[in-house]
Amino acid sequence: MCSVLGIFDARPDADLRPLRAQALSRSAMQRHRGPDWSGVHADRHAVLVHERLAIVDPAGGAQPLRSADGSLVLAVNGEIYNHGMLERGLEQVYAFQTKSDCEVINALYRESALDTRAFTAALQRVNGIFAFALWDAAQDRYVIARDPIGVCPLYWGHDAEGRLWVSSEMKPLVGTCADVAQFSPGCWYDGATGQLHRYYERPWRDYAATEGVPADPAAIRAAFEAAVHRQLMSDVPYGVLLSGGLDSSIVAAVAARFARRRIEDGDRTEAWWPRLHSFAIGLPGSPDLAAAEVAAQAIGTVHHGYTYTFEEGLDAIPDVIRHVETYDVTTIRASTPMYLLARRIKAMGVKMVLSGEGSDEVFGGYLYFHKAPNAREFHEETVRKLDALHTYDCLRANKSMMAWGVEPRVPFLDTEFLDVAMRVDARAKMVGASGEGARRIEKALLREAFVGYLPDEILWRQKEQFSDGVGYGWIDGLKAHAAREVSDAQLAAAAERFAVNPPQTKEAYLYRAIFDGLFPGRACAETVPGGKSIACSSPAAIAWDAAFAAAADPSGRAVAGVHHAPTARQR
């Protein structure tokens, strides 16, 4: 994973030297995403800059990627997991210049023969996480696209000269583009027509398409194993994030089964780095650190558990907000320990990790799903949460890790896995009474699919939000700190200072003040949807329980009548 920066619609008679220099300077603001190499292409209509984090083909995959005739120039941030299958399925011969998994995008574009439907269909076949800008010099045409869920960040806007800028992070666009905005996931933009096309649509988005579809735990397990296997594609040392919660533990357990073979050559040879390393972080005595040790011993990973102090976390928050580019309370709470963990992982020489984001959205794992009144509303809320992930958990995982040049991959959001897990009738995912009269725990379907993989104390551990699991003292300390730093008068006047999404708590006010100092302007503020937890801002959640309407604190502990002590187990 890397960073891209593109400038399009430059005047053909303009002097490119100042624009090229400006592009290089702005791209350097996101070089933490790609510390291994920088590449640039500049011609009379386009400038593309790429900062590379070398994961696949580190010796020969430098970008921008050019076609043999030099007319196609591609800058990509991401990984194409099924690139081998796509290359074998090409109907036209394409002269690949590298072994990069991303170069297949050039081939798919050329094979589409500039036909909108054909290129849309090609993107529908891609399984990966990506954000790219492609320049076709022969046709004076550019194409921009983002992966289906928005795992890879992407922003765009226009400068005062009317040129279109696109960037992996918002930082390079601030002060240049007054209309900066997030590029929509699952879409591609055609610079020749000025049209934005949605390519990612699935039947399972409509509950009617899933109603009556039975749950098959074995099929879910097989689909997830295949997703993890695909995503272990790497030519550099990798590891897994292991909080000791259900999701990260399943990811780690599955990865451990494949880690000893080299994925890129079809498991024919021993992996270059056959020992799987796992990583966790928390305040001293945190529930996550204790659970992670249990899970790591059962799975057999080489485990690294790190602690941080409250003061170290507090000191990091301004840098976290600068990197993650949000003022959302839950996101900042969870991003800070993840940011600190990424620095530790980088020091170990690891460049890629697998993580458990997406499971709660797919299986309804957040504790307020206990209150869903029926299967239709449960399913519709999972779809809504998947649609919003690019502004919350995907944004957190990607930018917290990439702040230190560590690439996160998220197998629960693998598109082939989603097609299996999301087409199941939500009745099988709902929390309710079991046949024995006991209350069924959240994500029971997922837990049932992996019986035998993990110890029961991990497999049936209650949901803990990451920002709670690192230690309850983390959130409590942040609230106490904000109470000292922000006065009652400042909070009362918050709507006057912050016209967009005024903060409702002192903690939110503190983060918002830091954000606005780094990212001034209404457009930047509007890239953050609401500035509070996706759970607390959910119309469905509020309808299910009126208490959500007044819940300013987004911690999972705020779900009264559902959350229990972190050591409690339900089955």
Protein backbone atom coordinates (compact mmCIF):
# COMPACT_ATOMS: atom_id res chain seq x y z
CA MET A 1 0.00 0.00 0.00
CA CYS A 2 1.26 3.46 -0.85
CA SER A 3 0.02 6.95 -1.67
CA VAL A 4 -1.02 8.60 -4.91
CA LEU A 5 -1.33 12.21 -5.93
CA GLY A 6 -2.65 13.33 -9.31
CA ILE A 7 -3.32 16.64 -11.02
CA PHE A 8 -5.39 16.67 -14.20
CA ASP A 9 -6.77 19.18 -16.70
CA ALA A 10 -3.55 21.20 -16.73
CA ARG A 11 -3.38 23.79 -19.54
CA PRO A 12 -1.39 22.42 -22.48
CA ASP A 13 0.55 25.67 -22.85
CA ALA A 14 1.39 26.00 -19.14
CA ASP A 15 4.90 25.62 -17.77
CA LEU A 16 4.86 22.24 -16.05
CA ARG A 17 7.92 22.87 -13.89
CA PRO A 18 6.18 24.84 -11.11
CA LEU A 19 3.22 22.43 -11.10
CA ARG A 20 5.52 19.40 -10.98
CA ALA A 21 7.44 20.93 -8.09
CA GLN A 22 4.20 21.71 -6.27
CA ALA A 23 2.96 18.15 -6.79
CA LEU A 24 6.18 16.69 -5.39
CA SER A 25 6.04 18.99 -2.38
CA ARG A 26 2.42 18.13 -1.65
CA SER A 27 2.98 14.41 -2.16
CA ALA A 28 5.78 14.50 0.42
CA MET A 29 3.11 15.28 3.04
CA GLN A 30 1.94 11.66 2.75
CA ARG A 31 5.34 9.98 2.27
CA HIS A 32 4.83 8.11 5.55
CA ARG A 33 2.49 5.91 3.49
CA GLY A 34 5.25 5.07 1.03
CA PRO A 35 8.75 5.52 2.46
CA ASP A 36 10.45 3.07 0.08
CA TRP A 37 10.52 5.06 -3.18
CA SER A 38 9.03 8.06 -4.98
CA GLY A 39 8.02 8.17 -8.63
CA VAL A 40 6.65 10.96 -10.80
CA HIS A 41 5.16 11.40 -14.26
CA ALA A 42 4.49 14.82 -15.75
CA ASP A 43 3.23 15.77 -19.19
CA ARG A 44 1.23 18.60 -20.68
CA HIS A 45 -2.12 17.49 -19.19
CA ALA A 46 -1.31 15.40 -16.12
CA VAL A 47 1.03 14.99 -13.18
CA LEU A 48 1.12 11.76 -11.17
CA VAL A 49 3.24 11.23 -8.06
CA HIS A 50 3.55 7.93 -6.20
CA GLU A 51 5.05 7.21 -2.78
CA ARG A 52 5.72 3.48 -2.55
CA LEU A 53 5.50 0.97 0.27
CA ALA A 54 6.92 -2.14 -1.42
CA ILE A 55 4.97 -5.28 -0.50
CA VAL A 56 4.76 -7.29 -3.76
CA ASP A 57 7.67 -7.27 -6.24
CA PRO A 58 9.74 -4.89 -4.10
CA ALA A 59 12.61 -4.96 -6.59
CA GLY A 60 10.67 -4.25 -9.77
CA GLY A 61 7.23 -2.81 -9.04
CA ALA A 62 8.06 0.89 -8.77
CA GLN A 63 5.31 3.27 -9.81
CA PRO A 64 3.82 4.98 -11.73
CA LEU A 65 3.30 1.82 -13.79
CA ARG A 66 3.60 2.44 -17.53
CA SER A 67 2.45 0.37 -20.48
CA ALA A 68 5.08 -0.83 -22.94
CA ASP A 69 4.29 2.01 -25.35
CA GLY A 70 4.32 4.55 -22.51
CA SER A 71 0.80 5.81 -23.19
CA LEU A 72 -0.79 4.41 -19.99
CA VAL A 73 0.46 5.73 -16.67
CA LEU A 74 -0.97 4.29 -13.45
CA ALA A 75 -0.52 5.24 -9.79
CA VAL A 76 -2.15 2.83 -7.33
CA ASN A 77 -2.49 2.61 -3.57
CA GLY A 78 -3.56 -0.93 -2.78
CA GLU A 79 -3.41 -4.65 -3.43
CA ILE A 80 -5.17 -6.71 -6.11
CA TYR A 81 -5.59 -10.12 -4.49
CA ASN A 82 -6.89 -11.92 -7.57
CA HIS A 83 -4.43 -10.37 -10.03
CA GLY A 84 -3.26 -13.82 -11.21
CA MET A 85 -6.78 -14.89 -12.13
CA LEU A 86 -7.43 -11.57 -13.88
CA GLU A 87 -4.21 -11.84 -15.87
CA ARG A 88 -5.03 -15.40 -16.98
CA GLY A 89 -8.52 -14.25 -18.02
CA LEU A 90 -7.38 -11.46 -20.35
CA GLU A 91 -8.72 -11.82 -23.87
CA GLN A 92 -6.01 -9.60 -25.35
CA VAL A 93 -2.28 -10.00 -24.95
CA TYR A 94 -0.79 -7.37 -22.65
CA ALA A 95 2.94 -6.85 -22.25
CA PHE A 96 3.40 -6.62 -18.50
CA GLN A 97 6.40 -4.54 -17.45
CA THR A 98 6.59 -5.68 -13.80
CA LYS A 99 5.41 -8.41 -11.45
CA SER A 100 3.29 -5.90 -9.54
CA ASP A 101 -0.20 -7.12 -8.68
CA CYS A 102 -1.53 -3.67 -9.58
CA GLU A 103 -0.35 -3.57 -13.19
CA VAL A 104 -3.35 -5.68 -14.22
CA ILE A 105 -5.44 -2.49 -13.94
CA ASN A 106 -3.65 -1.10 -17.01
CA ALA A 107 -4.42 -4.32 -18.87
CA LEU A 108 -8.10 -4.25 -17.90
CA TYR A 109 -8.40 -0.63 -18.95
CA ARG A 110 -6.82 -1.27 -22.35
CA GLU A 111 -8.96 -4.35 -22.94
CA SER A 112 -12.13 -2.36 -22.22
CA ALA A 113 -11.40 -0.31 -25.38
CA LEU A 114 -12.63 2.87 -23.64
CA ASP A 115 -16.12 1.40 -23.29
CA THR A 116 -17.84 2.50 -20.07
CA ARG A 117 -19.79 -0.71 -19.55
CA ALA A 118 -16.78 -2.88 -20.26
CA PHE A 119 -14.57 -1.03 -17.78
CA THR A 120 -17.32 -1.10 -15.16
CA ALA A 121 -17.61 -4.86 -15.65
CA ALA A 122 -13.84 -5.21 -15.37
CA LEU A 123 -13.76 -3.41 -12.03
CA GLN A 124 -16.53 -5.66 -10.78
CA ARG A 125 -14.19 -8.63 -11.22
CA VAL A 126 -11.38 -7.10 -9.18
CA ASN A 127 -10.97 -8.42 -5.65
CA GLY A 128 -8.74 -6.07 -3.73
CA ILE A 129 -8.30 -2.83 -1.87
CA PHE A 130 -7.28 0.08 -4.05
CA ALA A 131 -7.44 3.72 -4.96
CA PHE A 132 -5.92 4.65 -8.28
CA ALA A 133 -5.45 7.34 -10.88
CA LEU A 134 -4.81 6.26 -14.47
CA TRP A 135 -3.69 8.60 -17.25
CA ASP A 136 -4.20 7.66 -20.90
CA ALA A 137 -1.92 10.06 -22.77
CA ALA A 138 -2.96 8.81 -26.19
CA GLN A 139 -6.61 9.69 -25.52
CA ASP A 140 -6.07 12.65 -23.16
CA ARG A 141 -8.26 10.78 -20.70
CA TYR A 142 -7.95 10.00 -17.03
CA VAL A 143 -9.74 7.54 -14.78
CA ILE A 144 -10.00 7.56 -10.96
CA ALA A 145 -11.41 4.69 -8.89
CA ARG A 146 -11.73 3.44 -5.32
CA ASP A 147 -12.30 -0.05 -3.91
CA PRO A 148 -15.85 -1.24 -3.09
CA ILE A 149 -15.83 -0.58 0.68
CA GLY A 150 -13.31 2.25 0.78
CA VAL A 151 -10.54 0.46 2.65
CA CYS A 152 -8.02 2.68 0.87
CA PRO A 153 -8.62 6.41 1.44
CA LEU A 154 -9.04 8.84 -1.44
CA TYR A 155 -9.84 12.56 -1.63
CA TRP A 156 -10.34 14.98 -4.50
CA GLY A 157 -11.00 18.65 -5.20
CA HIS A 158 -10.32 21.54 -7.58
CA ASP A 159 -7.71 24.27 -7.32
CA ALA A 160 -8.20 27.93 -8.22
CA GLU A 161 -7.20 27.19 -11.82
CA GLY A 162 -9.94 24.57 -12.16
CA ARG A 163 -7.54 21.62 -12.20
CA LEU A 164 -8.68 18.38 -10.57
CA TRP A 165 -6.51 17.08 -7.74
CA VAL A 166 -6.75 13.59 -6.28
CA SER A 167 -4.83 12.35 -3.25
CA SER A 168 -4.69 9.39 -0.86
CA GLU A 169 -4.96 11.72 2.11
CA MET A 170 -6.55 15.11 2.64
CA LYS A 171 -3.38 16.88 3.80
CA PRO A 172 -1.95 17.62 0.33
CA LEU A 173 -5.20 19.24 -0.80
CA VAL A 174 -5.69 21.57 2.17
CA GLY A 175 -5.03 25.15 1.16
CA THR A 176 -5.13 24.20 -2.53
CA CYS A 177 -8.66 22.82 -3.01
CA ALA A 178 -11.54 24.68 -1.38
CA ASP A 179 -13.97 21.88 -2.29
CA VAL A 180 -11.99 18.92 -0.92
CA ALA A 181 -14.18 15.83 -0.39
CA GLN A 182 -13.93 12.08 -0.04
CA PHE A 183 -14.09 10.11 -3.28
CA SER A 184 -16.99 7.64 -3.05
CA PRO A 185 -16.11 3.94 -2.55
CA GLY A 186 -17.23 1.49 -5.22
CA CYS A 187 -17.12 4.18 -7.93
CA TRP A 188 -14.96 5.26 -10.84
CA TYR A 189 -14.73 8.64 -12.51
CA ASP A 190 -14.27 9.19 -16.23
CA GLY A 191 -12.35 12.42 -16.87
CA ALA A 192 -13.41 12.38 -20.52
CA THR A 193 -17.12 12.68 -19.73
CA GLY A 194 -17.04 14.10 -16.20
CA GLN A 195 -19.28 11.26 -15.03
CA LEU A 196 -19.02 9.26 -11.82
CA HIS A 197 -20.02 5.62 -12.29
CA ARG A 198 -20.93 3.19 -9.52
CA TYR A 199 -19.55 -0.25 -10.29
CA TYR A 200 -20.11 -2.08 -6.98
CA GLU A 201 -23.69 -3.25 -6.52
CA ARG A 202 -24.78 -6.48 -4.86
CA PRO A 203 -28.21 -8.18 -4.65
CA TRP A 204 -27.75 -8.79 -0.93
CA ARG A 205 -28.10 -5.07 -0.23
CA ASP A 206 -31.87 -5.65 -0.43
CA TYR A 207 -33.19 -7.76 2.45
CA ALA A 208 -35.68 -9.43 0.10
CA ALA A 209 -32.76 -11.06 -1.75
CA THR A 210 -31.55 -12.66 1.49
CA GLU A 211 -34.86 -13.62 3.11
CA GLY A 212 -35.05 -17.35 3.66
CA VAL A 213 -31.40 -18.01 2.73
CA PRO A 214 -30.20 -20.49 5.38
CA ALA A 215 -27.01 -20.00 7.35
CA ASP A 216 -24.19 -22.45 6.67
CA PRO A 217 -21.39 -22.08 9.22
CA ALA A 218 -19.15 -24.38 7.16
CA ALA A 219 -19.57 -22.20 4.07
CA ILE A 220 -18.78 -19.08 6.08
CA ARG A 221 -15.66 -20.70 7.47
CA ALA A 222 -14.49 -21.87 4.03
CA ALA A 223 -15.10 -18.45 2.46
CA PHE A 224 -13.17 -16.72 5.21
CA GLU A 225 -10.28 -19.15 5.01
CA ALA A 226 -10.07 -18.42 1.28
CA ALA A 227 -10.12 -14.66 1.96
CA VAL A 228 -7.27 -14.85 4.47
CA HIS A 229 -5.29 -17.10 2.14
CA ARG A 230 -5.64 -14.56 -0.69
CA GLN A 231 -4.63 -11.68 1.51
CA LEU A 232 -1.42 -13.30 2.74
CA MET A 233 0.07 -12.36 -0.65
CA SER A 234 3.37 -10.70 0.30
CA ASP A 235 7.07 -10.60 -0.51
CA VAL A 236 7.96 -8.93 2.81
CA PRO A 237 7.58 -9.84 6.52
CA TYR A 238 3.99 -9.66 7.79
CA GLY A 239 2.00 -10.29 10.94
CA VAL A 240 -1.45 -10.11 12.51
CA LEU A 241 -3.09 -7.71 14.95
CA LEU A 242 -4.34 -9.74 17.90
CA SER A 243 -6.40 -7.94 20.52
CA GLY A 244 -7.73 -11.20 21.95
CA GLY A 245 -11.23 -10.37 20.76
CA LEU A 246 -13.20 -12.71 18.54
CA ASP A 247 -12.47 -11.08 15.18
CA SER A 248 -8.71 -10.60 15.42
CA SER A 249 -8.34 -14.04 17.00
CA ILE A 250 -10.14 -15.71 14.09
CA VAL A 251 -7.99 -13.81 11.60
CA ALA A 252 -4.82 -14.87 13.43
CA ALA A 253 -5.91 -18.50 13.78
CA VAL A 254 -6.70 -18.81 10.07
CA ALA A 255 -3.53 -17.00 9.02
CA ALA A 256 -1.47 -19.37 11.16
CA ARG A 257 -2.76 -22.30 9.11
CA PHE A 258 -1.37 -20.84 5.89
CA ALA A 259 1.69 -18.91 7.08
CA ARG A 260 4.27 -21.62 6.41
CA ARG A 261 3.69 -21.75 2.64
CA ARG A 262 4.36 -19.07 0.03
CA ILE A 263 1.02 -17.82 -1.28
CA GLU A 264 2.41 -16.15 -4.40
CA ASP A 265 3.63 -19.43 -5.89
CA GLY A 266 0.50 -21.42 -5.08
CA ASP A 267 1.76 -22.80 -1.73
CA ARG A 268 4.44 -24.86 -3.52
CA THR A 269 7.39 -23.63 -1.46
CA GLU A 270 8.10 -22.68 2.13
CA ALA A 271 7.28 -19.10 3.07
CA TRP A 272 10.20 -16.69 3.26
CA TRP A 273 9.14 -15.76 6.81
CA PRO A 274 7.30 -18.87 8.09
CA ARG A 275 6.80 -17.82 11.73
CA LEU A 276 3.62 -15.79 12.20
CA HIS A 277 4.03 -12.82 14.55
CA SER A 278 1.08 -11.26 16.40
CA PHE A 279 0.82 -7.85 18.02
CA ALA A 280 -1.31 -6.32 20.77
CA ILE A 281 -1.28 -3.15 22.85
CA GLY A 282 -3.01 -1.79 25.93
CA LEU A 283 -2.64 0.03 29.19
CA PRO A 284 -1.06 -2.09 31.93
CA GLY A 285 -3.59 -4.71 33.02
CA SER A 286 -5.90 -4.19 30.04
CA PRO A 287 -8.40 -6.96 29.16
CA ASP A 288 -7.14 -7.09 25.58
CA LEU A 289 -3.54 -7.83 26.56
CA ALA A 290 -4.59 -10.70 28.82
CA ALA A 291 -6.93 -12.19 26.23
CA ALA A 292 -4.35 -11.80 23.46
CA GLU A 293 -1.84 -13.88 25.42
CA VAL A 294 -4.39 -16.69 25.76
CA ALA A 295 -5.24 -16.55 22.06
CA ALA A 296 -1.60 -16.40 20.95
CA GLN A 297 -0.68 -19.45 23.02
CA ALA A 298 -3.56 -21.42 21.53
CA ILE A 299 -2.78 -20.34 17.95
CA GLY A 300 1.00 -20.64 18.25
CA THR A 301 2.05 -17.18 17.08
CA VAL A 302 5.21 -15.39 18.15
CA HIS A 303 3.39 -12.82 20.23
CA HIS A 304 4.37 -9.27 21.11
CA GLY A 305 2.25 -7.51 23.72
CA TYR A 306 3.07 -3.86 24.31
CA THR A 307 1.90 -1.43 26.97
CA TYR A 308 1.60 2.33 26.81
CA THR A 309 0.89 4.86 29.51
CA PHE A 310 -2.04 7.23 29.51
CA GLU A 311 0.37 10.15 29.16
CA GLU A 312 1.99 8.58 26.08
CA GLY A 313 -1.40 8.18 24.48
CA LEU A 314 -2.43 11.72 25.35
CA ASP A 315 0.81 13.09 23.91
CA ALA A 316 0.13 11.30 20.62
CA ILE A 317 -3.38 12.64 20.03
CA PRO A 318 -2.43 15.74 17.96
CA ASP A 319 -0.33 13.53 15.66
CA VAL A 320 -3.14 10.97 15.50
CA ILE A 321 -5.64 13.63 14.39
CA ARG A 322 -3.16 14.92 11.80
CA HIS A 323 -2.69 11.43 10.35
CA VAL A 324 -6.22 10.07 10.65
CA GLU A 325 -7.85 13.34 9.53
CA THR A 326 -10.97 13.15 11.64
CA TYR A 327 -12.52 14.57 14.81
CA ASP A 328 -14.82 11.60 15.40
CA VAL A 329 -14.57 10.68 19.09
CA THR A 330 -14.63 6.90 18.79
CA THR A 331 -12.19 6.93 15.90
CA ILE A 332 -9.63 9.02 17.81
CA ARG A 333 -9.99 6.95 20.96
CA ALA A 334 -9.28 3.75 19.02
CA SER A 335 -6.76 5.23 16.58
CA THR A 336 -4.36 6.34 19.29
CA PRO A 337 -3.35 2.90 20.65
CA MET A 338 -3.36 1.57 17.07
CA TYR A 339 -1.03 4.38 16.01
CA LEU A 340 1.32 3.59 18.89
CA LEU A 341 1.19 -0.11 18.06
CA ALA A 342 2.03 0.58 14.41
CA ARG A 343 5.25 2.29 15.48
CA ARG A 344 6.24 -0.78 17.47
CA ILE A 345 5.41 -3.06 14.54
CA LYS A 346 7.47 -0.93 12.17
CA ALA A 347 10.42 -1.22 14.55
CA MET A 348 10.15 -5.02 14.21
CA GLY A 349 10.66 -4.81 10.44
CA VAL A 350 7.09 -5.88 9.64
CA LYS A 351 5.41 -4.06 6.72
CA MET A 352 1.97 -5.68 6.51
CA VAL A 353 -0.59 -6.91 9.04
CA LEU A 354 -3.99 -8.57 8.87
CA SER A 355 -6.73 -7.02 11.01
CA GLY A 356 -10.30 -7.81 12.03
CA GLU A 357 -12.23 -4.73 10.86
CA GLY A 358 -15.60 -5.37 9.21
CA SER A 359 -16.81 -8.36 11.20
CA ASP A 360 -19.12 -6.29 13.42
CA GLU A 361 -20.71 -4.68 10.38
CA VAL A 362 -21.27 -8.00 8.59
CA PHE A 363 -22.55 -9.99 11.58
CA GLY A 364 -24.16 -7.23 13.67
CA GLY A 365 -21.60 -7.43 16.44
CA TYR A 366 -22.08 -4.02 18.04
CA LEU A 367 -23.95 -4.34 21.30
CA TYR A 368 -26.86 -2.16 20.21
CA PHE A 369 -27.77 -4.88 17.68
CA HIS A 370 -29.16 -6.74 20.69
CA LYS A 371 -32.06 -4.31 20.45
CA ALA A 372 -32.89 -4.85 16.74
CA PRO A 373 -36.64 -5.51 16.47
CA ASN A 374 -36.63 -7.76 13.39
CA ALA A 375 -34.43 -9.34 10.72
CA ARG A 376 -35.15 -6.74 8.05
CA GLU A 377 -34.05 -3.83 10.22
CA PHE A 378 -31.05 -5.81 11.44
CA HIS A 379 -29.96 -6.48 7.84
CA GLU A 380 -30.56 -2.93 6.66
CA GLU A 381 -28.42 -1.64 9.51
CA THR A 382 -25.54 -3.96 8.58
CA VAL A 383 -25.68 -2.61 5.00
CA ARG A 384 -25.77 0.98 6.25
CA LYS A 385 -22.76 0.35 8.46
CA LEU A 386 -20.80 -1.23 5.61
CA ASP A 387 -21.57 1.87 3.52
CA ALA A 388 -20.17 4.10 6.26
CA LEU A 389 -17.04 2.09 7.08
CA HIS A 390 -14.81 4.24 4.90
CA THR A 391 -15.36 7.17 7.27
CA TYR A 392 -14.87 5.16 10.47
CA ASP A 393 -13.10 1.83 11.01
CA CYS A 394 -11.48 1.55 7.58
CA LEU A 395 -10.21 5.10 7.88
CA ARG A 396 -8.89 4.38 11.38
CA ALA A 397 -7.15 1.11 10.53
CA ASN A 398 -5.62 2.36 7.31
CA LYS A 399 -4.34 5.74 8.42
CA SER A 400 -3.25 4.71 11.94
CA MET A 401 -1.10 1.92 10.52
CA MET A 402 0.07 3.74 7.42
CA ALA A 403 1.27 6.65 9.57
CA TRP A 404 4.30 4.40 10.16
CA GLY A 405 4.38 2.63 6.78
CA VAL A 406 2.57 -0.54 7.91
CA GLU A 407 -0.13 -1.82 5.56
CA PRO A 408 -3.36 -3.18 7.13
CA ARG A 409 -5.45 -5.79 5.30
CA VAL A 410 -9.01 -6.66 6.26
CA PRO A 411 -10.17 -10.14 5.19
CA PHE A 412 -13.67 -9.71 6.68
CA LEU A 413 -14.21 -7.10 3.93
CA ASP A 414 -12.97 -9.34 1.12
CA THR A 415 -15.62 -9.01 -1.59
CA GLU A 416 -15.96 -12.76 -2.17
CA PHE A 417 -16.40 -13.34 1.55
CA LEU A 418 -19.00 -10.57 1.73
CA ASP A 419 -21.04 -12.29 -0.98
CA VAL A 420 -21.24 -15.40 1.21
CA ALA A 421 -21.77 -13.78 4.61
CA MET A 422 -24.16 -10.99 3.56
CA ARG A 423 -26.58 -13.13 1.56
CA VAL A 424 -27.57 -15.08 4.71
CA ASP A 425 -30.97 -14.23 6.17
CA ALA A 426 -30.32 -11.92 9.11
CA ARG A 427 -32.53 -14.08 11.31
CA ALA A 428 -29.48 -16.34 11.68
CA LYS A 429 -27.36 -13.40 12.87
CA MET A 430 -29.79 -11.91 15.38
CA VAL A 431 -29.39 -12.02 19.11
CA GLY A 432 -32.26 -13.83 20.77
CA ALA A 433 -33.34 -16.78 22.83
CA SER A 434 -31.71 -20.12 21.96
CA GLY A 435 -33.53 -23.44 22.06
CA GLU A 436 -32.43 -23.91 25.66
CA GLY A 437 -33.86 -20.57 26.73
CA ALA A 438 -30.50 -18.85 27.21
CA ARG A 439 -29.83 -15.57 25.43
CA ARG A 440 -27.79 -15.97 22.26
CA ILE A 441 -24.59 -13.90 22.17
CA GLU A 442 -23.83 -11.43 19.39
CA LYS A 443 -22.11 -12.91 16.29
CA ALA A 444 -23.09 -16.44 17.34
CA LEU A 445 -23.12 -17.54 13.68
CA LEU A 446 -19.48 -16.51 13.23
CA ARG A 447 -18.49 -18.14 16.52
CA GLU A 448 -20.20 -21.38 15.49
CA ALA A 449 -18.34 -21.34 12.18
CA PHE A 450 -14.99 -21.44 14.01
CA VAL A 451 -15.64 -23.90 16.82
CA GLY A 452 -12.40 -25.80 17.35
CA TYR A 453 -10.18 -22.99 16.13
CA LEU A 454 -9.95 -21.12 19.44
CA PRO A 455 -10.33 -21.68 23.19
CA ASP A 456 -13.89 -21.15 24.40
CA GLU A 457 -12.85 -18.20 26.55
CA ILE A 458 -11.83 -16.39 23.36
CA LEU A 459 -14.45 -17.81 21.00
CA TRP A 460 -17.29 -16.75 23.31
CA ARG A 461 -15.77 -13.52 24.66
CA GLN A 462 -18.21 -10.60 24.76
CA LYS A 463 -17.76 -7.75 22.30
CA GLU A 464 -15.41 -5.02 23.53
CA GLN A 465 -14.73 -1.93 21.43
CA PHE A 466 -10.99 -1.57 20.88
CA SER A 467 -10.92 1.74 22.74
CA ASP A 468 -12.54 0.00 25.74
CA GLY A 469 -10.49 -3.20 25.49
CA VAL A 470 -7.12 -1.44 25.73
CA GLY A 471 -8.16 -0.47 29.27
CA TYR A 472 -11.17 1.40 30.64
CA GLY A 473 -8.78 3.94 32.14
CA TRP A 474 -8.04 5.16 28.61
CA ILE A 475 -11.49 6.56 27.88
CA ASP A 476 -12.11 7.66 31.45
CA GLY A 477 -8.80 9.51 31.46
CA LEU A 478 -9.54 11.23 28.15
CA LYS A 479 -12.86 12.50 29.47
CA ALA A 480 -11.24 13.78 32.65
CA HIS A 481 -8.49 15.51 30.66
CA ALA A 482 -11.02 17.20 28.36
CA ALA A 483 -13.05 18.35 31.37
CA ARG A 484 -9.98 20.19 32.63
CA GLU A 485 -9.04 21.67 29.25
CA VAL A 486 -12.46 22.82 27.97
CA SER A 487 -14.62 25.17 29.98
CA ASP A 488 -18.39 25.03 30.31
CA ALA A 489 -18.59 28.35 28.49
CA GLN A 490 -16.56 27.06 25.55
CA LEU A 491 -18.79 24.02 25.17
CA ALA A 492 -21.94 26.15 25.44
CA ALA A 493 -20.68 28.32 22.58
CA ALA A 494 -19.49 25.39 20.43
CA ALA A 495 -22.12 25.97 17.74
CA GLU A 496 -20.85 29.52 17.25
CA ARG A 497 -17.26 28.38 16.71
CA PHE A 498 -17.99 25.20 14.75
CA ALA A 499 -20.77 25.65 12.21
CA VAL A 500 -20.46 22.07 10.89
CA ASN A 501 -21.20 19.23 13.35
CA PRO A 502 -20.72 21.26 16.57
CA PRO A 503 -19.29 19.06 19.35
CA GLN A 504 -21.62 17.85 22.09
CA THR A 505 -19.04 16.93 24.74
CA LYS A 506 -15.84 18.46 26.04
CA GLU A 507 -13.82 15.56 24.67
CA ALA A 508 -15.34 16.11 21.22
CA TYR A 509 -14.64 19.85 21.51
CA LEU A 510 -10.98 19.19 22.28
CA TYR A 511 -10.53 16.97 19.21
CA ARG A 512 -12.44 19.37 16.99
CA ALA A 513 -10.25 22.31 17.99
CA ILE A 514 -7.12 20.34 17.07
CA PHE A 515 -8.67 19.20 13.77
CA ASP A 516 -9.72 22.70 12.72
CA GLY A 517 -6.22 24.00 13.38
CA LEU A 518 -4.81 21.38 11.01
CA PHE A 519 -7.63 21.25 8.45
CA PRO A 520 -9.38 24.63 8.32
CA GLY A 521 -12.48 25.30 6.30
CA ARG A 522 -16.00 24.02 5.95
CA ALA A 523 -15.15 21.44 3.27
CA CYS A 524 -12.62 19.70 5.50
CA ALA A 525 -15.07 19.59 8.40
CA GLU A 526 -17.72 18.08 6.15
CA THR A 527 -15.50 15.08 5.33
CA VAL A 528 -16.29 13.84 8.86
CA PRO A 529 -19.92 12.66 9.12
CA GLY A 530 -21.36 13.93 12.36
CA GLY A 531 -18.27 13.80 14.51
CA LYS A 532 -19.62 11.08 16.79
CA SER A 533 -19.94 7.30 16.86
CA ILE A 534 -21.65 5.61 13.93
CA ALA A 535 -23.66 3.65 16.49
CA CYS A 536 -24.88 6.70 18.37
CA SER A 537 -25.65 8.57 15.15
CA SER A 538 -27.53 5.65 13.61
CA PRO A 539 -31.20 6.39 12.90
CA ALA A 540 -31.93 2.69 13.29
CA ALA A 541 -30.22 2.48 16.67
CA ILE A 542 -32.12 5.51 17.92
CA ALA A 543 -35.38 3.97 16.73
CA TRP A 544 -34.57 0.68 18.45
CA ASP A 545 -33.81 2.35 21.77
CA ALA A 546 -34.65 5.99 22.55
CA ALA A 547 -31.67 6.15 24.91
CA PHE A 548 -29.41 6.37 21.86
CA ALA A 549 -30.88 9.74 20.92
CA ALA A 550 -29.31 11.30 24.01
CA ALA A 551 -26.12 9.21 24.07
CA ALA A 552 -23.24 11.61 23.55
CA ASP A 553 -20.68 9.04 24.74
CA PRO A 554 -20.17 6.40 22.01
CA SER A 555 -18.43 3.80 24.19
CA GLY A 556 -19.84 0.28 23.96
CA ARG A 557 -20.19 0.41 27.74
CA ALA A 558 -22.99 2.95 27.22
CA VAL A 559 -25.35 0.25 25.90
CA ALA A 560 -27.31 -0.23 29.10
CA GLY A 561 -28.65 -3.70 29.84
CA VAL A 562 -26.34 -5.36 27.29
CA HIS A 563 -22.71 -4.72 28.21
CA HIS A 564 -21.27 -6.73 31.09
CA ALA A 565 -17.89 -6.83 32.80
CA PRO A 566 -15.11 -7.74 30.38
CA THR A 567 -14.47 -11.06 32.12
CA ALA A 568 -18.07 -12.24 31.78
CA ARG A 569 -18.95 -14.88 29.20
CA GLN A 570 -22.22 -15.66 27.46
CA ARG A 571 -23.08 -18.61 25.32
